[in-house]
Amino acid sequence: MSRKESILDLDQYLDQRIVVKFNGGREVSGKLKGYDALVNIVLDEAKEFIEEQDGNTSERDFGLVVCKGSSVMVVYPEIGTEEIANPWASA
């Protein structure tokens, strides 16, 4: 049996804060503590961001969590990214 290689190299983000977006729209940020080849991710000091119907965003603290890799859509660092306008969206 050969060892399965991870499709993501998250070593550079260990012990740094990252954001994980899931299928279904959930979004969690936390300090990356570990991951495996299936993109199962362990976050410490995790917080879920919940967007309310009125447009406000609230947070819920979780502490230590394991994110199931098959539900992960996007992983990115919390610091060093910025949102840009979608040039194809109609105004």
C-alpha atoms as a PDB file:
ATOM      1  CA  MET A   1       0.000   0.000   0.000  1.00  0.00           C
ATOM      2  CA  SER A   2       1.247   3.459  -0.825  1.00  0.00           C
ATOM      3  CA  ARG A   3       0.707   6.440   1.405  1.00  0.00           C
ATOM      4  CA  LYS A   4      -1.850   8.881  -0.012  1.00  0.00           C
ATOM      5  CA  GLU A   5      -0.425  12.362  -0.591  1.00  0.00           C
ATOM      6  CA  SER A   6      -2.340  15.371   0.632  1.00  0.00           C
ATOM      7  CA  ILE A   7      -3.784  17.655  -2.010  1.00  0.00           C
ATOM      8  CA  LEU A   8      -2.980  20.637   0.245  1.00  0.00           C
ATOM      9  CA  ASP A   9       0.334  21.536   1.851  1.00  0.00           C
ATOM     10  CA  LEU A  10      -0.747  23.326   5.014  1.00  0.00           C
ATOM     11  CA  ASP A  11       2.556  22.922   6.895  1.00  0.00           C
ATOM     12  CA  GLN A  12       3.361  26.599   6.384  1.00  0.00           C
ATOM     13  CA  TYR A  13       0.189  27.529   8.290  1.00  0.00           C
ATOM     14  CA  LEU A  14       0.676  25.307  11.357  1.00  0.00           C
ATOM     15  CA  ASP A  15       0.029  27.293  14.568  1.00  0.00           C
ATOM     16  CA  GLN A  16      -1.355  30.194  12.507  1.00  0.00           C
ATOM     17  CA  ARG A  17      -4.968  31.288  12.148  1.00  0.00           C
ATOM     18  CA  ILE A  18      -6.789  30.055   9.038  1.00  0.00           C
ATOM     19  CA  VAL A  19     -10.355  30.221   7.743  1.00  0.00           C
ATOM     20  CA  VAL A  20     -12.198  27.091   6.587  1.00  0.00           C
ATOM     21  CA  LYS A  21     -15.361  27.309   4.486  1.00  0.00           C
ATOM     22  CA  PHE A  22     -17.642  24.268   4.254  1.00  0.00           C
ATOM     23  CA  ASN A  23     -20.285  22.937   1.885  1.00  0.00           C
ATOM     24  CA  GLY A  24     -23.542  24.536   2.969  1.00  0.00           C
ATOM     25  CA  GLY A  25     -22.016  27.920   3.759  1.00  0.00           C
ATOM     26  CA  ARG A  26     -20.554  27.487   7.239  1.00  0.00           C
ATOM     27  CA  GLU A  27     -17.346  29.373   7.981  1.00  0.00           C
ATOM     28  CA  VAL A  28     -14.930  28.669  10.845  1.00  0.00           C
ATOM     29  CA  SER A  29     -11.613  30.254  11.766  1.00  0.00           C
ATOM     30  CA  GLY A  30      -9.022  28.975  14.203  1.00  0.00           C
ATOM     31  CA  LYS A  31      -5.396  28.106  14.839  1.00  0.00           C
ATOM     32  CA  LEU A  32      -4.275  25.184  12.650  1.00  0.00           C
ATOM     33  CA  LYS A  33      -2.988  22.350  14.833  1.00  0.00           C
ATOM     34  CA  GLY A  34      -2.926  19.516  12.309  1.00  0.00           C
ATOM     35  CA  TYR A  35      -4.305  17.961   9.124  1.00  0.00           C
ATOM     36  CA  ASP A  36      -4.092  14.748   7.144  1.00  0.00           C
ATOM     37  CA  ALA A  37      -4.104  13.572   3.524  1.00  0.00           C
ATOM     38  CA  LEU A  38      -7.914  13.613   3.426  1.00  0.00           C
ATOM     39  CA  VAL A  39      -7.917  17.299   4.473  1.00  0.00           C
ATOM     40  CA  ASN A  40      -9.380  16.548   7.887  1.00  0.00           C
ATOM     41  CA  ILE A  41      -8.310  19.658   9.794  1.00  0.00           C
ATOM     42  CA  VAL A  42      -7.789  20.222  13.532  1.00  0.00           C
ATOM     43  CA  LEU A  43      -8.366  23.804  14.715  1.00  0.00           C
ATOM     44  CA  ASP A  44      -7.856  25.237  18.197  1.00  0.00           C
ATOM     45  CA  GLU A  45      -9.542  28.415  19.466  1.00  0.00           C
ATOM     46  CA  ALA A  46     -12.129  27.898  16.707  1.00  0.00           C
ATOM     47  CA  LYS A  47     -14.944  30.359  16.054  1.00  0.00           C
ATOM     48  CA  GLU A  48     -17.913  29.969  13.731  1.00  0.00           C
ATOM     49  CA  PHE A  49     -19.162  33.029  11.892  1.00  0.00           C
ATOM     50  CA  ILE A  50     -22.936  33.099  11.490  1.00  0.00           C
ATOM     51  CA  GLU A  51     -24.567  35.515   9.068  1.00  0.00           C
ATOM     52  CA  GLU A  52     -27.974  36.602  10.310  1.00  0.00           C
ATOM     53  CA  GLN A  53     -30.939  37.303   8.034  1.00  0.00           C
ATOM     54  CA  ASP A  54     -30.674  41.034   8.780  1.00  0.00           C
ATOM     55  CA  GLY A  55     -27.109  41.062   7.378  1.00  0.00           C
ATOM     56  CA  ASN A  56     -25.287  41.174  10.726  1.00  0.00           C
ATOM     57  CA  THR A  57     -22.623  38.604  11.566  1.00  0.00           C
ATOM     58  CA  SER A  58     -22.287  36.920  14.955  1.00  0.00           C
ATOM     59  CA  GLU A  59     -19.630  34.563  16.334  1.00  0.00           C
ATOM     60  CA  ARG A  60     -19.844  31.329  18.291  1.00  0.00           C
ATOM     61  CA  ASP A  61     -16.770  29.992  20.157  1.00  0.00           C
ATOM     62  CA  PHE A  62     -16.030  26.275  19.841  1.00  0.00           C
ATOM     63  CA  GLY A  63     -12.518  25.720  21.201  1.00  0.00           C
ATOM     64  CA  LEU A  64     -10.880  22.595  19.730  1.00  0.00           C
ATOM     65  CA  VAL A  65     -12.606  21.131  16.638  1.00  0.00           C
ATOM     66  CA  VAL A  66     -11.979  18.574  13.901  1.00  0.00           C
ATOM     67  CA  CYS A  67     -13.207  19.614  10.442  1.00  0.00           C
ATOM     68  CA  LYS A  68     -14.246  16.721   8.202  1.00  0.00           C
ATOM     69  CA  GLY A  69     -12.222  16.891   4.990  1.00  0.00           C
ATOM     70  CA  SER A  70     -15.032  15.831   2.652  1.00  0.00           C
ATOM     71  CA  SER A  71     -17.011  18.933   3.714  1.00  0.00           C
ATOM     72  CA  VAL A  72     -14.159  21.433   3.286  1.00  0.00           C
ATOM     73  CA  MET A  73     -14.464  23.726   0.248  1.00  0.00           C
ATOM     74  CA  VAL A  74     -11.884  26.479   0.875  1.00  0.00           C
ATOM     75  CA  VAL A  75      -8.935  26.970   3.230  1.00  0.00           C
ATOM     76  CA  TYR A  76      -7.046  30.269   3.434  1.00  0.00           C
ATOM     77  CA  PRO A  77      -4.962  32.243   5.953  1.00  0.00           C
ATOM     78  CA  GLU A  78      -6.868  34.709   8.113  1.00  0.00           C
ATOM     79  CA  ILE A  79      -4.183  37.387   7.728  1.00  0.00           C
ATOM     80  CA  GLY A  80      -2.906  38.421   4.326  1.00  0.00           C
ATOM     81  CA  THR A  81      -6.097  38.081   2.292  1.00  0.00           C
ATOM     82  CA  GLU A  82      -8.581  40.702   1.221  1.00  0.00           C
ATOM     83  CA  GLU A  83     -11.925  40.614  -0.503  1.00  0.00           C
ATOM     84  CA  ILE A  84     -12.053  42.048  -4.010  1.00  0.00           C
ATOM     85  CA  ALA A  85     -15.044  43.114  -6.086  1.00  0.00           C
ATOM     86  CA  ASN A  86     -16.379  40.556  -8.558  1.00  0.00           C
ATOM     87  CA  PRO A  87     -15.859  42.077 -12.021  1.00  0.00           C
ATOM     88  CA  TRP A  88     -18.551  39.814 -13.530  1.00  0.00           C
ATOM     89  CA  ALA A  89     -21.281  40.654 -11.009  1.00  0.00           C
ATOM     90  CA  SER A  90     -23.876  43.064 -12.312  1.00  0.00           C
ATOM     91  CA  ALA A  91     -24.128  46.262 -10.291  1.00  0.00           C
END
